[in-house]
C-alpha atoms as a PDB file:
ATOM      1  CA  MET A   1      12.079  12.638 -11.095  1.00  0.00           C
ATOM      2  CA  LEU A   2      13.428  13.879  -7.749  1.00  0.00           C
ATOM      3  CA  GLU A   3      17.102  13.709  -9.234  1.00  0.00           C
ATOM      4  CA  GLU A   4      16.685  16.701 -11.437  1.00  0.00           C
ATOM      5  CA  ILE A   5      14.406  18.683  -9.042  1.00  0.00           C
ATOM      6  CA  ARG A   6      16.546  18.914  -6.123  1.00  0.00           C
ATOM      7  CA  PRO A   7      19.639  20.323  -7.621  1.00  0.00           C
ATOM      8  CA  LYS A   8      17.156  23.142  -9.530  1.00  0.00           C
ATOM      9  CA  ILE A   9      16.254  24.173  -6.043  1.00  0.00           C
ATOM     10  CA  VAL A  10      19.332  24.204  -4.477  1.00  0.00           C
ATOM     11  CA  THR A  11      20.749  26.527  -7.431  1.00  0.00           C
ATOM     12  CA  PHE A  12      17.326  28.873  -6.944  1.00  0.00           C
ATOM     13  CA  HIS A  13      18.421  28.465  -3.338  1.00  0.00           C
ATOM     14  CA  GLU A  14      22.093  29.503  -3.416  1.00  0.00           C
ATOM     15  CA  SER A  15      20.961  32.693  -5.996  1.00  0.00           C
ATOM     16  CA  GLY A  16      18.978  33.686  -3.067  1.00  0.00           C
ATOM     17  CA  PHE A  17      15.702  33.005  -4.280  1.00  0.00           C
ATOM     18  CA  SER A  18      13.120  32.052  -0.994  1.00  0.00           C
ATOM     19  CA  ASN A  19      10.726  29.112  -0.618  1.00  0.00           C
ATOM     20  CA  SER A  20       8.024  30.822  -2.159  1.00  0.00           C
ATOM     21  CA  GLU A  21       9.907  32.167  -5.229  1.00  0.00           C
ATOM     22  CA  ILE A  22      11.065  28.854  -5.868  1.00  0.00           C
ATOM     23  CA  LEU A  23       8.134  27.473  -5.870  1.00  0.00           C
ATOM     24  CA  LYS A  24       6.564  29.883  -8.744  1.00  0.00           C
ATOM     25  CA  ARG A  25       9.853  29.544 -10.641  1.00  0.00           C
ATOM     26  CA  LEU A  26       9.252  25.149 -10.627  1.00  0.00           C
ATOM     27  CA  LYS A  27       5.286  25.746 -10.978  1.00  0.00           C
ATOM     28  CA  ASN A  28       5.465  23.910 -14.403  1.00  0.00           C
ATOM     29  CA  ASP A  29       7.346  20.629 -12.655  1.00  0.00           C
ATOM     30  CA  LYS A  30       4.324  20.965  -9.823  1.00  0.00           C
ATOM     31  CA  VAL A  31       6.676  20.771  -7.420  1.00  0.00           C
ATOM     32  CA  ASN A  32       5.236  20.413  -3.732  1.00  0.00           C
ATOM     33  CA  PRO A  33       6.445  23.256  -0.997  1.00  0.00           C
ATOM     34  CA  ILE A  34       7.138  20.561   1.428  1.00  0.00           C
ATOM     35  CA  LEU A  35       9.557  19.207  -1.002  1.00  0.00           C
ATOM     36  CA  ILE A  36      11.476  22.426  -1.080  1.00  0.00           C
ATOM     37  CA  TYR A  37      11.707  22.964   2.473  1.00  0.00           C
ATOM     38  CA  ARG A  38      12.785  19.434   2.943  1.00  0.00           C
ATOM     39  CA  THR A  39      15.666  19.701  -0.034  1.00  0.00           C
ATOM     40  CA  ILE A  40      16.906  23.345   0.927  1.00  0.00           C
ATOM     41  CA  LYS A  41      17.144  21.504   4.858  1.00  0.00           C
ATOM     42  CA  ARG A  42      19.227  18.272   4.075  1.00  0.00           C
ATOM     43  CA  TYR A  43      21.261  20.536   1.785  1.00  0.00           C
ATOM     44  CA  ILE A  44      22.028  23.018   4.595  1.00  0.00           C
ATOM     45  CA  GLU A  45      22.487  19.850   6.832  1.00  0.00           C
ATOM     46  CA  THR A  46      24.247  17.478   4.956  1.00  0.00           C
ATOM     47  CA  GLY A  47      25.723  19.591   2.087  1.00  0.00           C
ATOM     48  CA  SER A  48      24.236  17.327  -0.858  1.00  0.00           C
ATOM     49  CA  VAL A  49      20.969  16.581  -1.744  1.00  0.00           C
ATOM     50  CA  SER A  50      20.549  12.484  -2.049  1.00  0.00           C
ATOM     51  CA  ASP A  51      18.895  10.650  -0.130  1.00  0.00           C
ATOM     52  CA  ARG A  52      20.008  10.259   3.278  1.00  0.00           C
ATOM     53  CA  LYS A  53      20.400   6.679   4.655  1.00  0.00           C
ATOM     54  CA  ARG A  54      17.323   5.093   6.013  1.00  0.00           C
ATOM     55  CA  VAL A  55      16.739   4.012   9.585  1.00  0.00           C
ATOM     56  CA  GLY A  56      15.413   0.892  11.225  1.00  0.00           C
ATOM     57  CA  ARG A  57      15.434  -2.896  10.165  1.00  0.00           C
ATOM     58  CA  PRO A  58      14.469  -2.828   6.449  1.00  0.00           C
ATOM     59  CA  ARG A  59      12.069  -5.170   5.534  1.00  0.00           C
ATOM     60  CA  SER A  60      13.715  -8.260   3.988  1.00  0.00           C
ATOM     61  CA  ALA A  61      10.926 -10.318   4.012  1.00  0.00           C
ATOM     62  CA  HIS A  62       9.112  -8.391   2.040  1.00  0.00           C
ATOM     63  CA  THR A  63      10.664  -9.437  -1.576  1.00  0.00           C
ATOM     64  CA  PRO A  64       9.039  -9.455  -4.924  1.00  0.00           C
ATOM     65  CA  ALA A  65       9.074 -12.945  -5.191  1.00  0.00           C
ATOM     66  CA  LEU A  66       7.225 -13.669  -2.507  1.00  0.00           C
ATOM     67  CA  LYS A  67       5.056 -11.354  -2.900  1.00  0.00           C
ATOM     68  CA  ASN A  68       4.039 -12.699  -6.506  1.00  0.00           C
ATOM     69  CA  SER A  69       3.967 -16.021  -5.254  1.00  0.00           C
ATOM     70  CA  VAL A  70       1.690 -15.810  -2.580  1.00  0.00           C
ATOM     71  CA  ARG A  71      -0.284 -13.193  -4.972  1.00  0.00           C
ATOM     72  CA  CYS A  72      -0.522 -16.633  -7.105  1.00  0.00           C
ATOM     73  CA  ARG A  73      -1.767 -19.084  -4.789  1.00  0.00           C
ATOM     74  CA  ILE A  74      -4.621 -16.636  -3.162  1.00  0.00           C
ATOM     75  CA  LEU A  75      -5.526 -16.244  -6.916  1.00  0.00           C
ATOM     76  CA  ARG A  76      -5.857 -20.017  -7.361  1.00  0.00           C
ATOM     77  CA  ASN A  77      -7.515 -20.399  -4.173  1.00  0.00           C
ATOM     78  CA  PRO A  78      -8.986 -17.525  -2.530  1.00  0.00           C
ATOM     79  CA  TRP A  79     -10.321 -19.181   1.092  1.00  0.00           C
ATOM     80  CA  ARG A  80      -6.151 -20.616   1.327  1.00  0.00           C
ATOM     81  CA  SER A  81      -5.409 -19.724   5.125  1.00  0.00           C
ATOM     82  CA  MET A  82      -2.750 -16.911   5.380  1.00  0.00           C
ATOM     83  CA  ARG A  83      -1.828 -18.941   8.848  1.00  0.00           C
ATOM     84  CA  LYS A  84      -1.205 -21.920   6.519  1.00  0.00           C
ATOM     85  CA  MET A  85       0.655 -19.745   4.228  1.00  0.00           C
ATOM     86  CA  SER A  86       2.882 -18.208   6.687  1.00  0.00           C
ATOM     87  CA  ARG A  87       4.323 -21.824   7.203  1.00  0.00           C
ATOM     88  CA  GLU A  88       4.497 -22.732   4.127  1.00  0.00           C
ATOM     89  CA  PHE A  89       6.661 -19.589   3.540  1.00  0.00           C
ATOM     90  CA  CYS A  90       8.514 -19.958   6.632  1.00  0.00           C
ATOM     91  CA  VAL A  91       7.197 -16.588   7.689  1.00  0.00           C
ATOM     92  CA  ASN A  92       5.517 -14.843  10.492  1.00  0.00           C
ATOM     93  CA  HIS A  93       1.983 -14.834  10.401  1.00  0.00           C
ATOM     94  CA  LYS A  94       1.496 -11.123  11.099  1.00  0.00           C
ATOM     95  CA  MET A  95       4.031 -10.343   8.434  1.00  0.00           C
ATOM     96  CA  MET A  96       2.034 -12.459   5.745  1.00  0.00           C
ATOM     97  CA  ARG A  97      -1.103 -10.871   6.797  1.00  0.00           C
ATOM     98  CA  LYS A  98       0.584  -7.341   6.306  1.00  0.00           C
ATOM     99  CA  LEU A  99       2.152  -8.558   2.941  1.00  0.00           C
ATOM    100  CA  VAL A 100      -1.681  -9.545   1.815  1.00  0.00           C
ATOM    101  CA  VAL A 101      -3.518  -6.445   3.224  1.00  0.00           C
ATOM    102  CA  GLU A 102      -0.790  -3.654   2.811  1.00  0.00           C
ATOM    103  CA  ASP A 103       1.451  -4.992  -0.144  1.00  0.00           C
ATOM    104  CA  LEU A 104      -0.995  -6.920  -2.413  1.00  0.00           C
ATOM    105  CA  GLY A 105      -4.009  -4.859  -1.392  1.00  0.00           C
ATOM    106  CA  MET A 106      -6.107  -7.856  -1.143  1.00  0.00           C
ATOM    107  CA  LYS A 107      -8.890  -8.376   1.864  1.00  0.00           C
ATOM    108  CA  SER A 108      -8.764 -11.795   4.136  1.00  0.00           C
ATOM    109  CA  TYR A 109     -12.114 -13.464   4.330  1.00  0.00           C
ATOM    110  CA  LYS A 110     -13.020 -16.929   5.565  1.00  0.00           C
ATOM    111  CA  MET A 111     -15.854 -19.122   4.077  1.00  0.00           C
ATOM    112  CA  LYS A 112     -18.789 -18.970   7.084  1.00  0.00           C
ATOM    113  CA  ASN A 113     -21.104 -21.631   7.181  1.00  0.00           C
ATOM    114  CA  VAL A 114     -24.009 -19.799   5.469  1.00  0.00           C
ATOM    115  CA  HIS A 115     -27.329 -21.295   4.769  1.00  0.00           C
ATOM    116  CA  HIS A 116     -27.467 -21.417   0.942  1.00  0.00           C
ATOM    117  CA  LEU A 117     -30.852 -21.525  -0.585  1.00  0.00           C
ATOM    118  CA  ASN A 118     -32.581 -23.454  -3.252  1.00  0.00           C
ATOM    119  CA  ASP A 119     -35.377 -23.271  -5.263  1.00  0.00           C
ATOM    120  CA  SER A 120     -37.407 -25.545  -3.192  1.00  0.00           C
ATOM    121  CA  ILE A 121     -36.299 -23.799  -0.077  1.00  0.00           C
ATOM    122  CA  ARG A 122     -37.304 -20.329  -1.456  1.00  0.00           C
ATOM    123  CA  ARG A 123     -40.758 -21.692  -2.200  1.00  0.00           C
ATOM    124  CA  LYS A 124     -41.275 -22.820   0.900  1.00  0.00           C
ATOM    125  CA  ARG A 125     -40.237 -19.146   2.468  1.00  0.00           C
ATOM    126  CA  LEU A 126     -42.282 -17.575  -0.162  1.00  0.00           C
ATOM    127  CA  GLU A 127     -45.666 -19.781   0.626  1.00  0.00           C
ATOM    128  CA  ARG A 128     -45.160 -19.508   4.863  1.00  0.00           C
ATOM    129  CA  CYS A 129     -44.858 -15.945   4.256  1.00  0.00           C
ATOM    130  CA  ILE A 130     -48.262 -15.437   2.435  1.00  0.00           C
ATOM    131  CA  GLN A 131     -49.689 -17.667   5.285  1.00  0.00           C
ATOM    132  CA  LEU A 132     -48.507 -15.658   7.945  1.00  0.00           C
ATOM    133  CA  LYS A 133     -49.212 -12.527   6.004  1.00  0.00           C
ATOM    134  CA  ALA A 134     -52.616 -13.694   5.641  1.00  0.00           C
END
């Protein structure tokens, strides 16, 4: 979509239209004013509307295959430890945590030692409550 809109913005800019006029003309395309400003700025600086080279180290470990296999393992066993998974996949445990939370949108949790109530314990508690209240 951006590949279609950016050249339009540049042609309007070269024709002498201001940013607000370009925004009015591209209203049907639902263009953000920041897109217009950044596209014109990029065109003035580089002479092109293509994306700039990315800065920083690329996220090489966040491959789609890793995401899919981690998702499948968590769905099979939700109580799986992230540190153990990071050891199995040979990645950093912080990176694994970031992959699960940010990329997959899942929340991590551990089962705590919770006292599970059964029917007999509930009856005893109810009887004690009634006695204490009386």
